[in-house]
């Protein structure tokens, strides 16, 4: 039995859908379904009841730069508590493997092309210090439980994810989701311009959410490794070019106004996904242009006016 944590979240929904499509038996839980993973006793009770062989951990407390700047304490406390509860419950109930996603913001702030061997080569970027640290701490916890209790955790480092059912909220969105929301609103309301945070120069790599879900599920049967494993395409796009792509795809004809008084975040983030490709026997397949189009169509059909 596979237990999906955070099953009602952005990644969790797509993981559950893909498990159904593949005919794999699973059970789902999340905070909205009644299990608070910050509560160690409640988490252990769930694991003792379900007795999962495998766990896909899609649970996280997360948002974009704006959200992280306003809620660093909640980011720190909530995510660490969830990690501690999960590792202990999995150890005590004999889970065979946890697949645990780690955001690529856990890499050093000065890194540009993320490679697993350089995971510890410097401090995190201040804009993602807290969330990057707590995701990094989940790897350290995995290492500790592997050393002492032989717990098997596969840590997949995923690029920024986007796609249908994302957090389309001002604070919770990452850059791509926030831009889709802004351009769709501007197009609908015929606004003369769209404000975009920062200079437009930072480069980011984007992972379509269904590719992230596929990586998680493939991780269930991948060879065991203690090392973190990147999943990515090795190609980045500047926020400026991303905004232009989304502008074109939404049909918006107004002006883009960049606001350099707002934070850019780290200057350059792309991923060497060769280790993940080898380990999983697969690599992400959705092109950014197609993924943006699908995301916009979904948003157009589901947005609330």
C-alpha atoms as a PDB file:
ATOM      1  CA  UNK A   1       0.000   0.000   0.000  1.00  0.00           C
ATOM      2  CA  UNK A   2       1.181   3.493  -0.911  1.00  0.00           C
ATOM      3  CA  UNK A   3       0.329   6.392   1.394  1.00  0.00           C
ATOM      4  CA  UNK A   4       0.196   9.832  -0.254  1.00  0.00           C
ATOM      5  CA  UNK A   5       0.751  12.678   2.211  1.00  0.00           C
ATOM      6  CA  UNK A   6      -0.470  16.123   1.211  1.00  0.00           C
ATOM      7  CA  UNK A   7      -2.843  14.460  -1.243  1.00  0.00           C
ATOM      8  CA  UNK A   8      -5.075  17.511  -1.702  1.00  0.00           C
ATOM      9  CA  UNK A   9      -2.199  19.885  -2.533  1.00  0.00           C
ATOM     10  CA  UNK A  10      -0.813  20.927  -5.910  1.00  0.00           C
ATOM     11  CA  UNK A  11       1.607  18.017  -6.374  1.00  0.00           C
ATOM     12  CA  UNK A  12      -0.429  15.576  -4.281  1.00  0.00           C
ATOM     13  CA  UNK A  13      -3.530  15.815  -6.482  1.00  0.00           C
ATOM     14  CA  UNK A  14      -1.530  15.030  -9.604  1.00  0.00           C
ATOM     15  CA  UNK A  15       0.316  12.153  -7.897  1.00  0.00           C
ATOM     16  CA  UNK A  16      -3.004  10.586  -6.848  1.00  0.00           C
ATOM     17  CA  UNK A  17      -4.394  10.987 -10.357  1.00  0.00           C
ATOM     18  CA  UNK A  18      -1.337   9.315 -11.858  1.00  0.00           C
ATOM     19  CA  UNK A  19      -1.453   6.451  -9.336  1.00  0.00           C
ATOM     20  CA  UNK A  20      -5.091   5.852 -10.319  1.00  0.00           C
ATOM     21  CA  UNK A  21      -4.147   5.884 -13.994  1.00  0.00           C
ATOM     22  CA  UNK A  22      -1.363   3.351 -13.375  1.00  0.00           C
ATOM     23  CA  UNK A  23      -3.685   1.136 -11.305  1.00  0.00           C
ATOM     24  CA  UNK A  24      -1.522   1.314  -8.184  1.00  0.00           C
ATOM     25  CA  UNK A  25      -3.262   0.898  -4.791  1.00  0.00           C
ATOM     26  CA  UNK A  26      -2.943   3.887  -2.493  1.00  0.00           C
ATOM     27  CA  UNK A  27      -4.589   5.812   0.287  1.00  0.00           C
ATOM     28  CA  UNK A  28      -4.525   9.551   0.676  1.00  0.00           C
ATOM     29  CA  UNK A  29      -4.355  11.988   3.536  1.00  0.00           C
ATOM     30  CA  UNK A  30      -3.785  15.670   4.129  1.00  0.00           C
ATOM     31  CA  UNK A  31      -4.579  18.357   6.667  1.00  0.00           C
ATOM     32  CA  UNK A  32      -7.957  18.972   5.011  1.00  0.00           C
ATOM     33  CA  UNK A  33      -8.666  15.221   5.123  1.00  0.00           C
ATOM     34  CA  UNK A  34      -8.054  15.130   8.860  1.00  0.00           C
ATOM     35  CA  UNK A  35      -4.378  14.364   9.542  1.00  0.00           C
ATOM     36  CA  UNK A  36      -2.107  17.085  10.894  1.00  0.00           C
ATOM     37  CA  UNK A  37       1.431  15.905  10.153  1.00  0.00           C
ATOM     38  CA  UNK A  38       2.782  18.522  12.550  1.00  0.00           C
ATOM     39  CA  UNK A  39       1.310  16.364  15.334  1.00  0.00           C
ATOM     40  CA  UNK A  40       3.677  13.442  15.940  1.00  0.00           C
ATOM     41  CA  UNK A  41       1.069  11.349  17.765  1.00  0.00           C
ATOM     42  CA  UNK A  42      -1.580  11.860  15.074  1.00  0.00           C
ATOM     43  CA  UNK A  43       0.957  10.979  12.371  1.00  0.00           C
ATOM     44  CA  UNK A  44       2.012   7.783  14.147  1.00  0.00           C
ATOM     45  CA  UNK A  45      -1.635   6.815  14.688  1.00  0.00           C
ATOM     46  CA  UNK A  46      -2.265   7.222  10.945  1.00  0.00           C
ATOM     47  CA  UNK A  47       0.745   5.089  10.022  1.00  0.00           C
ATOM     48  CA  UNK A  48      -0.248   2.382  12.525  1.00  0.00           C
ATOM     49  CA  UNK A  49      -3.743   2.310  11.033  1.00  0.00           C
ATOM     50  CA  UNK A  50      -2.737   2.337   7.339  1.00  0.00           C
ATOM     51  CA  UNK A  51       0.536   0.358   7.672  1.00  0.00           C
ATOM     52  CA  UNK A  52       1.895   1.702   4.362  1.00  0.00           C
ATOM     53  CA  UNK A  53       4.774  -0.037   2.619  1.00  0.00           C
ATOM     54  CA  UNK A  54       5.597   3.118   0.684  1.00  0.00           C
ATOM     55  CA  UNK A  55       5.093   6.830   1.326  1.00  0.00           C
ATOM     56  CA  UNK A  56       4.950   9.607  -1.258  1.00  0.00           C
ATOM     57  CA  UNK A  57       5.461  12.810   0.716  1.00  0.00           C
ATOM     58  CA  UNK A  58       3.705  15.669  -1.072  1.00  0.00           C
ATOM     59  CA  UNK A  59       3.005  17.581   2.141  1.00  0.00           C
ATOM     60  CA  UNK A  60       4.633  20.984   2.603  1.00  0.00           C
ATOM     61  CA  UNK A  61       3.903  24.461   3.896  1.00  0.00           C
ATOM     62  CA  UNK A  62       5.136  26.667   1.072  1.00  0.00           C
ATOM     63  CA  UNK A  63       4.656  29.809  -1.012  1.00  0.00           C
ATOM     64  CA  UNK A  64       6.580  32.225  -3.196  1.00  0.00           C
ATOM     65  CA  UNK A  65       9.167  34.851  -2.194  1.00  0.00           C
ATOM     66  CA  UNK A  66       6.472  37.235  -0.932  1.00  0.00           C
ATOM     67  CA  UNK A  67       4.908  34.499   1.235  1.00  0.00           C
ATOM     68  CA  UNK A  68       8.295  33.419   2.601  1.00  0.00           C
ATOM     69  CA  UNK A  69       9.162  36.994   3.538  1.00  0.00           C
ATOM     70  CA  UNK A  70       5.963  37.369   5.565  1.00  0.00           C
ATOM     71  CA  UNK A  71       5.794  33.916   7.189  1.00  0.00           C
ATOM     72  CA  UNK A  72       9.338  32.700   7.973  1.00  0.00           C
ATOM     73  CA  UNK A  73       8.433  31.361  11.439  1.00  0.00           C
ATOM     74  CA  UNK A  74       5.501  29.307  10.140  1.00  0.00           C
ATOM     75  CA  UNK A  75       7.666  28.003   7.276  1.00  0.00           C
ATOM     76  CA  UNK A  76      10.327  26.961   9.772  1.00  0.00           C
ATOM     77  CA  UNK A  77       8.082  25.398  12.402  1.00  0.00           C
ATOM     78  CA  UNK A  78       5.483  23.684  10.235  1.00  0.00           C
ATOM     79  CA  UNK A  79       7.889  22.019   7.821  1.00  0.00           C
ATOM     80  CA  UNK A  80      10.331  20.831  10.487  1.00  0.00           C
ATOM     81  CA  UNK A  81       7.506  19.382  12.586  1.00  0.00           C
ATOM     82  CA  UNK A  82       6.147  17.509   9.556  1.00  0.00           C
ATOM     83  CA  UNK A  83       9.577  16.077   8.747  1.00  0.00           C
ATOM     84  CA  UNK A  84      10.172  14.909  12.316  1.00  0.00           C
ATOM     85  CA  UNK A  85       6.721  13.287  12.538  1.00  0.00           C
ATOM     86  CA  UNK A  86       7.061  11.558   9.173  1.00  0.00           C
ATOM     87  CA  UNK A  87      10.513  10.054   9.720  1.00  0.00           C
ATOM     88  CA  UNK A  88       9.686   8.747  13.192  1.00  0.00           C
ATOM     89  CA  UNK A  89       6.326   7.251  12.164  1.00  0.00           C
ATOM     90  CA  UNK A  90       7.866   5.618   9.084  1.00  0.00           C
ATOM     91  CA  UNK A  91      10.683   4.118  11.153  1.00  0.00           C
ATOM     92  CA  UNK A  92       8.345   2.805  13.849  1.00  0.00           C
ATOM     93  CA  UNK A  93       5.925   1.159  11.400  1.00  0.00           C
ATOM     94  CA  UNK A  94       8.475  -0.430   9.066  1.00  0.00           C
ATOM     95  CA  UNK A  95       7.913   1.643   5.920  1.00  0.00           C
ATOM     96  CA  UNK A  96       9.977   0.235   3.027  1.00  0.00           C
ATOM     97  CA  UNK A  97      10.599   3.559   1.293  1.00  0.00           C
ATOM     98  CA  UNK A  98       9.697   7.239   1.479  1.00  0.00           C
ATOM     99  CA  UNK A  99       9.979   9.343  -1.665  1.00  0.00           C
ATOM    100  CA  UNK A 100      10.621  12.879  -0.451  1.00  0.00           C
ATOM    101  CA  UNK A 101      10.746  15.925  -2.752  1.00  0.00           C
ATOM    102  CA  UNK A 102      13.172  18.728  -1.974  1.00  0.00           C
ATOM    103  CA  UNK A 103      12.939  22.139  -3.608  1.00  0.00           C
ATOM    104  CA  UNK A 104      15.980  23.218  -5.585  1.00  0.00           C
ATOM    105  CA  UNK A 105      16.155  26.345  -3.398  1.00  0.00           C
ATOM    106  CA  UNK A 106      18.029  24.061  -0.969  1.00  0.00           C
ATOM    107  CA  UNK A 107      21.085  24.545  -3.191  1.00  0.00           C
ATOM    108  CA  UNK A 108      23.667  27.261  -2.351  1.00  0.00           C
ATOM    109  CA  UNK A 109      22.576  30.764  -3.308  1.00  0.00           C
ATOM    110  CA  UNK A 110      25.623  31.320  -5.511  1.00  0.00           C
ATOM    111  CA  UNK A 111      25.162  28.085  -7.472  1.00  0.00           C
ATOM    112  CA  UNK A 112      23.941  28.448 -11.058  1.00  0.00           C
ATOM    113  CA  UNK A 113      23.889  24.922 -12.544  1.00  0.00           C
ATOM    114  CA  UNK A 114      22.754  22.697  -9.691  1.00  0.00           C
ATOM    115  CA  UNK A 115      24.710  19.462  -9.330  1.00  0.00           C
ATOM    116  CA  UNK A 116      24.235  17.047  -6.441  1.00  0.00           C
ATOM    117  CA  UNK A 117      27.932  16.969  -5.524  1.00  0.00           C
ATOM    118  CA  UNK A 118      27.745  20.708  -4.767  1.00  0.00           C
ATOM    119  CA  UNK A 119      24.691  20.537  -2.491  1.00  0.00           C
ATOM    120  CA  UNK A 120      26.743  21.741   0.493  1.00  0.00           C
ATOM    121  CA  UNK A 121      29.050  24.219  -1.231  1.00  0.00           C
ATOM    122  CA  UNK A 122      27.836  27.448   0.334  1.00  0.00           C
ATOM    123  CA  UNK A 123      25.071  29.367   2.142  1.00  0.00           C
ATOM    124  CA  UNK A 124      21.488  29.531   0.913  1.00  0.00           C
ATOM    125  CA  UNK A 125      20.126  32.636  -0.755  1.00  0.00           C
ATOM    126  CA  UNK A 126      18.492  34.897   1.830  1.00  0.00           C
ATOM    127  CA  UNK A 127      15.234  35.092  -0.130  1.00  0.00           C
ATOM    128  CA  UNK A 128      14.693  31.345   0.397  1.00  0.00           C
ATOM    129  CA  UNK A 129      16.802  30.823   3.517  1.00  0.00           C
ATOM    130  CA  UNK A 130      14.097  29.345   5.733  1.00  0.00           C
ATOM    131  CA  UNK A 131      12.327  27.102   3.230  1.00  0.00           C
ATOM    132  CA  UNK A 132      15.603  26.019   1.637  1.00  0.00           C
ATOM    133  CA  UNK A 133      16.957  25.135   5.067  1.00  0.00           C
ATOM    134  CA  UNK A 134      13.951  23.096   6.193  1.00  0.00           C
ATOM    135  CA  UNK A 135      14.002  21.114   2.929  1.00  0.00           C
ATOM    136  CA  UNK A 136      17.723  20.557   3.374  1.00  0.00           C
ATOM    137  CA  UNK A 137      17.013  19.451   6.941  1.00  0.00           C
ATOM    138  CA  UNK A 138      14.644  16.792   5.595  1.00  0.00           C
ATOM    139  CA  UNK A 139      17.625  15.301   3.745  1.00  0.00           C
ATOM    140  CA  UNK A 140      19.744  15.430   6.923  1.00  0.00           C
ATOM    141  CA  UNK A 141      16.950  13.697   8.836  1.00  0.00           C
ATOM    142  CA  UNK A 142      16.754  11.040   6.107  1.00  0.00           C
ATOM    143  CA  UNK A 143      20.500  10.498   6.378  1.00  0.00           C
ATOM    144  CA  UNK A 144      20.296  10.171  10.169  1.00  0.00           C
ATOM    145  CA  UNK A 145      17.435   7.648  10.070  1.00  0.00           C
ATOM    146  CA  UNK A 146      19.213   5.672   7.368  1.00  0.00           C
ATOM    147  CA  UNK A 147      22.412   5.489   9.402  1.00  0.00           C
ATOM    148  CA  UNK A 148      20.761   4.542  12.685  1.00  0.00           C
ATOM    149  CA  UNK A 149      17.660   2.627  11.603  1.00  0.00           C
ATOM    150  CA  UNK A 150      18.299   1.755   7.925  1.00  0.00           C
ATOM    151  CA  UNK A 151      15.239   3.742   6.845  1.00  0.00           C
ATOM    152  CA  UNK A 152      15.139   4.085   3.053  1.00  0.00           C
ATOM    153  CA  UNK A 153      14.327   7.620   1.878  1.00  0.00           C
ATOM    154  CA  UNK A 154      14.803   8.709  -1.723  1.00  0.00           C
ATOM    155  CA  UNK A 155      15.194  12.489  -1.840  1.00  0.00           C
ATOM    156  CA  UNK A 156      14.319  13.956  -5.233  1.00  0.00           C
ATOM    157  CA  UNK A 157      15.287  17.589  -5.847  1.00  0.00           C
ATOM    158  CA  UNK A 158      12.566  19.046  -8.061  1.00  0.00           C
ATOM    159  CA  UNK A 159      12.692  22.306 -10.004  1.00  0.00           C
ATOM    160  CA  UNK A 160       9.979  24.925  -9.476  1.00  0.00           C
ATOM    161  CA  UNK A 161       6.747  23.236 -10.445  1.00  0.00           C
ATOM    162  CA  UNK A 162       3.857  24.761 -12.356  1.00  0.00           C
ATOM    163  CA  UNK A 163       0.693  23.613 -14.084  1.00  0.00           C
ATOM    164  CA  UNK A 164      -3.060  23.185 -13.643  1.00  0.00           C
ATOM    165  CA  UNK A 165      -4.364  23.406 -10.056  1.00  0.00           C
ATOM    166  CA  UNK A 166      -1.393  25.483  -8.890  1.00  0.00           C
ATOM    167  CA  UNK A 167      -1.721  28.038  -6.077  1.00  0.00           C
ATOM    168  CA  UNK A 168      -3.106  30.909  -8.119  1.00  0.00           C
ATOM    169  CA  UNK A 169      -2.917  33.380  -5.240  1.00  0.00           C
ATOM    170  CA  UNK A 170      -0.810  36.538  -5.035  1.00  0.00           C
ATOM    171  CA  UNK A 171       1.299  35.369  -2.085  1.00  0.00           C
ATOM    172  CA  UNK A 172       1.314  31.608  -2.493  1.00  0.00           C
ATOM    173  CA  UNK A 173       2.165  31.495  -6.195  1.00  0.00           C
ATOM    174  CA  UNK A 174       5.628  30.987  -7.566  1.00  0.00           C
ATOM    175  CA  UNK A 175       6.605  33.320 -10.395  1.00  0.00           C
ATOM    176  CA  UNK A 176       5.010  31.384 -13.253  1.00  0.00           C
ATOM    177  CA  UNK A 177       1.633  30.911 -11.585  1.00  0.00           C
ATOM    178  CA  UNK A 178       1.606  34.535 -10.418  1.00  0.00           C
ATOM    179  CA  UNK A 179       2.347  35.747 -13.963  1.00  0.00           C
ATOM    180  CA  UNK A 180      -0.442  33.629 -15.472  1.00  0.00           C
ATOM    181  CA  UNK A 181      -2.846  35.092 -12.932  1.00  0.00           C
ATOM    182  CA  UNK A 182      -1.702  38.683 -13.574  1.00  0.00           C
ATOM    183  CA  UNK A 183      -1.791  38.487 -17.372  1.00  0.00           C
ATOM    184  CA  UNK A 184      -5.155  36.739 -17.443  1.00  0.00           C
ATOM    185  CA  UNK A 185      -6.628  39.438 -15.183  1.00  0.00           C
ATOM    186  CA  UNK A 186      -5.078  42.227 -17.267  1.00  0.00           C
ATOM    187  CA  UNK A 187      -6.403  40.670 -20.478  1.00  0.00           C
ATOM    188  CA  UNK A 188      -9.886  40.204 -19.066  1.00  0.00           C
ATOM    189  CA  UNK A 189     -10.087  43.704 -17.561  1.00  0.00           C
ATOM    190  CA  UNK A 190      -8.215  45.404 -20.438  1.00  0.00           C
ATOM    191  CA  UNK A 191      -5.613  46.885 -18.082  1.00  0.00           C
ATOM    192  CA  UNK A 192      -2.929  49.030 -19.733  1.00  0.00           C
ATOM    193  CA  UNK A 193       0.017  47.343 -18.011  1.00  0.00           C
ATOM    194  CA  UNK A 194       1.107  44.392 -15.885  1.00  0.00           C
ATOM    195  CA  UNK A 195       3.546  44.907 -12.984  1.00  0.00           C
ATOM    196  CA  UNK A 196       6.214  42.206 -12.603  1.00  0.00           C
ATOM    197  CA  UNK A 197       8.417  41.898  -9.520  1.00  0.00           C
ATOM    198  CA  UNK A 198      12.151  42.543  -9.929  1.00  0.00           C
ATOM    199  CA  UNK A 199      14.321  43.284 -12.939  1.00  0.00           C
ATOM    200  CA  UNK A 200      13.216  40.346 -15.072  1.00  0.00           C
ATOM    201  CA  UNK A 201      16.802  39.090 -15.258  1.00  0.00           C
ATOM    202  CA  UNK A 202      16.781  36.049 -12.924  1.00  0.00           C
ATOM    203  CA  UNK A 203      16.787  32.701 -14.712  1.00  0.00           C
ATOM    204  CA  UNK A 204      14.678  29.789 -13.466  1.00  0.00           C
ATOM    205  CA  UNK A 205      14.041  26.239 -14.565  1.00  0.00           C
ATOM    206  CA  UNK A 206      10.438  25.027 -14.512  1.00  0.00           C
ATOM    207  CA  UNK A 207       9.076  21.498 -14.071  1.00  0.00           C
ATOM    208  CA  UNK A 208       5.553  20.661 -15.234  1.00  0.00           C
ATOM    209  CA  UNK A 209       3.668  19.208 -12.273  1.00  0.00           C
ATOM    210  CA  UNK A 210       2.744  15.932 -14.012  1.00  0.00           C
ATOM    211  CA  UNK A 211       6.438  15.356 -14.725  1.00  0.00           C
ATOM    212  CA  UNK A 212       7.081  15.927 -11.027  1.00  0.00           C
ATOM    213  CA  UNK A 213       4.366  13.389 -10.182  1.00  0.00           C
ATOM    214  CA  UNK A 214       5.863  10.855 -12.605  1.00  0.00           C
ATOM    215  CA  UNK A 215       9.281  11.301 -10.962  1.00  0.00           C
ATOM    216  CA  UNK A 216       7.768  10.691  -7.513  1.00  0.00           C
ATOM    217  CA  UNK A 217       6.077   7.463  -8.578  1.00  0.00           C
ATOM    218  CA  UNK A 218       9.142   6.197 -10.457  1.00  0.00           C
ATOM    219  CA  UNK A 219      11.080   6.868  -7.263  1.00  0.00           C
ATOM    220  CA  UNK A 220       9.174   4.058  -5.527  1.00  0.00           C
ATOM    221  CA  UNK A 221      11.113   1.401  -7.464  1.00  0.00           C
ATOM    222  CA  UNK A 222      14.366   3.243  -8.223  1.00  0.00           C
ATOM    223  CA  UNK A 223      17.684   1.948  -6.845  1.00  0.00           C
ATOM    224  CA  UNK A 224      18.402   2.992  -3.284  1.00  0.00           C
ATOM    225  CA  UNK A 225      20.682   5.955  -2.680  1.00  0.00           C
ATOM    226  CA  UNK A 226      21.401   8.270   0.229  1.00  0.00           C
ATOM    227  CA  UNK A 227      22.479  11.070  -2.080  1.00  0.00           C
ATOM    228  CA  UNK A 228      19.976  13.696  -3.201  1.00  0.00           C
ATOM    229  CA  UNK A 229      18.866  13.215  -6.811  1.00  0.00           C
ATOM    230  CA  UNK A 230      18.015  16.051  -9.204  1.00  0.00           C
ATOM    231  CA  UNK A 231      15.036  15.886 -11.536  1.00  0.00           C
ATOM    232  CA  UNK A 232      15.276  18.556 -14.208  1.00  0.00           C
ATOM    233  CA  UNK A 233      15.771  19.463 -17.831  1.00  0.00           C
ATOM    234  CA  UNK A 234      18.899  21.639 -17.592  1.00  0.00           C
ATOM    235  CA  UNK A 235      17.270  24.614 -19.291  1.00  0.00           C
ATOM    236  CA  UNK A 236      16.325  27.908 -17.710  1.00  0.00           C
ATOM    237  CA  UNK A 237      14.327  30.923 -18.841  1.00  0.00           C
ATOM    238  CA  UNK A 238      14.611  34.501 -17.604  1.00  0.00           C
ATOM    239  CA  UNK A 239      11.618  35.986 -15.815  1.00  0.00           C
ATOM    240  CA  UNK A 240      11.517  38.592 -18.615  1.00  0.00           C
ATOM    241  CA  UNK A 241      11.252  35.943 -21.344  1.00  0.00           C
ATOM    242  CA  UNK A 242       8.790  33.946 -19.245  1.00  0.00           C
ATOM    243  CA  UNK A 243       6.582  37.032 -18.884  1.00  0.00           C
ATOM    244  CA  UNK A 244       6.731  37.615 -22.653  1.00  0.00           C
ATOM    245  CA  UNK A 245       5.763  33.975 -23.346  1.00  0.00           C
ATOM    246  CA  UNK A 246       2.808  34.192 -20.963  1.00  0.00           C
ATOM    247  CA  UNK A 247       1.778  37.576 -22.367  1.00  0.00           C
ATOM    248  CA  UNK A 248       1.686  36.110 -25.864  1.00  0.00           C
ATOM    249  CA  UNK A 249      -0.126  32.941 -24.791  1.00  0.00           C
ATOM    250  CA  UNK A 250      -2.853  34.885 -22.957  1.00  0.00           C
ATOM    251  CA  UNK A 251      -3.366  37.296 -25.842  1.00  0.00           C
ATOM    252  CA  UNK A 252      -2.600  40.325 -23.670  1.00  0.00           C
ATOM    253  CA  UNK A 253      -1.479  43.375 -25.699  1.00  0.00           C
ATOM    254  CA  UNK A 254      -0.567  45.902 -22.991  1.00  0.00           C
ATOM    255  CA  UNK A 255       2.780  46.816 -21.446  1.00  0.00           C
ATOM    256  CA  UNK A 256       4.967  44.896 -18.978  1.00  0.00           C
ATOM    257  CA  UNK A 257       6.434  47.064 -16.211  1.00  0.00           C
ATOM    258  CA  UNK A 258       9.274  45.544 -14.193  1.00  0.00           C
ATOM    259  CA  UNK A 259       9.713  46.800 -10.625  1.00  0.00           C
ATOM    260  CA  UNK A 260      13.400  46.630  -9.612  1.00  0.00           C
ATOM    261  CA  UNK A 261      12.513  47.780  -6.090  1.00  0.00           C
ATOM    262  CA  UNK A 262      11.089  44.287  -5.524  1.00  0.00           C
ATOM    263  CA  UNK A 263      13.432  41.337  -4.817  1.00  0.00           C
ATOM    264  CA  UNK A 264      14.771  39.209  -7.652  1.00  0.00           C
ATOM    265  CA  UNK A 265      15.801  36.232  -5.543  1.00  0.00           C
ATOM    266  CA  UNK A 266      18.805  34.175  -6.640  1.00  0.00           C
ATOM    267  CA  UNK A 267      20.151  35.266 -10.056  1.00  0.00           C
ATOM    268  CA  UNK A 268      20.336  31.912 -11.840  1.00  0.00           C
ATOM    269  CA  UNK A 269      18.911  28.465 -11.120  1.00  0.00           C
ATOM    270  CA  UNK A 270      19.077  25.524 -13.525  1.00  0.00           C
ATOM    271  CA  UNK A 271      19.490  21.833 -12.808  1.00  0.00           C
ATOM    272  CA  UNK A 272      21.759  19.027 -13.964  1.00  0.00           C
ATOM    273  CA  UNK A 273      19.225  16.202 -14.158  1.00  0.00           C
ATOM    274  CA  UNK A 274      21.560  13.487 -15.480  1.00  0.00           C
ATOM    275  CA  UNK A 275      21.695  11.504 -12.215  1.00  0.00           C
ATOM    276  CA  UNK A 276      17.910  11.521 -11.941  1.00  0.00           C
ATOM    277  CA  UNK A 277      17.504  10.503 -15.560  1.00  0.00           C
ATOM    278  CA  UNK A 278      19.789   7.523 -15.019  1.00  0.00           C
ATOM    279  CA  UNK A 279      18.252   6.495 -11.682  1.00  0.00           C
ATOM    280  CA  UNK A 280      14.625   6.805 -12.814  1.00  0.00           C
ATOM    281  CA  UNK A 281      15.148   5.639 -16.413  1.00  0.00           C
ATOM    282  CA  UNK A 282      13.235   8.675 -17.578  1.00  0.00           C
ATOM    283  CA  UNK A 283      13.387  12.447 -17.924  1.00  0.00           C
ATOM    284  CA  UNK A 284      10.746  15.207 -17.890  1.00  0.00           C
ATOM    285  CA  UNK A 285       8.992  15.479 -21.242  1.00  0.00           C
ATOM    286  CA  UNK A 286       6.704  18.523 -21.173  1.00  0.00           C
ATOM    287  CA  UNK A 287       8.039  21.557 -23.050  1.00  0.00           C
ATOM    288  CA  UNK A 288       7.695  24.887 -21.271  1.00  0.00           C
ATOM    289  CA  UNK A 289       5.697  26.399 -24.144  1.00  0.00           C
ATOM    290  CA  UNK A 290       3.155  23.549 -24.153  1.00  0.00           C
ATOM    291  CA  UNK A 291       2.996  23.468 -20.363  1.00  0.00           C
ATOM    292  CA  UNK A 292       2.269  27.195 -20.185  1.00  0.00           C
ATOM    293  CA  UNK A 293      -0.513  26.819 -22.758  1.00  0.00           C
ATOM    294  CA  UNK A 294      -2.128  23.955 -20.803  1.00  0.00           C
ATOM    295  CA  UNK A 295      -1.838  25.928 -17.562  1.00  0.00           C
ATOM    296  CA  UNK A 296      -3.455  29.014 -19.087  1.00  0.00           C
ATOM    297  CA  UNK A 297      -6.307  26.964 -20.563  1.00  0.00           C
ATOM    298  CA  UNK A 298      -6.969  25.374 -17.186  1.00  0.00           C
ATOM    299  CA  UNK A 299      -6.889  28.753 -15.462  1.00  0.00           C
ATOM    300  CA  UNK A 300      -9.205  30.252 -18.077  1.00  0.00           C
ATOM    301  CA  UNK A 301     -11.741  27.472 -17.409  1.00  0.00           C
ATOM    302  CA  UNK A 302     -11.507  27.603 -13.617  1.00  0.00           C
ATOM    303  CA  UNK A 303     -10.759  31.197 -12.640  1.00  0.00           C
ATOM    304  CA  UNK A 304     -13.245  33.029 -10.444  1.00  0.00           C
ATOM    305  CA  UNK A 305     -14.150  36.482 -11.695  1.00  0.00           C
END
